[in-house]
């Protein structure tokens, strides 16, 4: 009686029948469930969807995990594209900063110590751009020629200081300080992202750049009081 109720364990269900059920669900319900964030349906002990099947409750295979239900694009590839996008942002920003720093070097001619610091910053920025370019090449990409939002923002920040006023160096320092912290946040994010996609070399490269940015921000912080005092004193004369 128990065997009659439970069925003969040696007799498996008909694969064609399962396939028919899965086929009926695949184009409609599975897609709807995926968009809603639900897992593929479980039919007769088998979980169907995303182009594959597995026993209910079993861990997803890497292929199943790597398929975007909307685009069909591998998740690893999608994650890599995100990192590439951020690296392109960083590359454009570094080049934009380099252009602004070249102008700052000329303006700081009467302040040798400050000028020397800006020159070091310029050289480091150019190295950073080359490092980011190498990171892109490691991912099979080349720097994009598109001017990104981050690069545009960086240019606007630096563009505020191109006048000829007594407080120019203070404005330089303020804007550079703000930009440095934007870069610090960006490279911290890229380090984590690179680690997530298994790109340890890129993460290490970004860590090296981050260290430079932190050091430059600290230098700017040290210069600020003297530059402000000088600007105030000049304004009083």
Foldseek 3Di string as FASTA:
>chain_A
DVCVVVDDPVDDDDPVVVVVVLVVCAVPPQLVCVVVVHAADADPQWGDYPPDIDGPPDDDDQQSVQQDSVPRGGVLVVLVVVLLVLLLLLLLQLVLVLVLLVLVLVLCPVPVVVSVLSVVVNVLSVVLNVLSQVVQVVVVHGRDPDRDPSNVVLNVLSVVLNDDALLSVLSNLVSLLVNLVVLLVSLVVSLVSCVVSPNNVNNVSSVVSNVVSVVSNVVSVVCNVVSVVSSVVVVVD
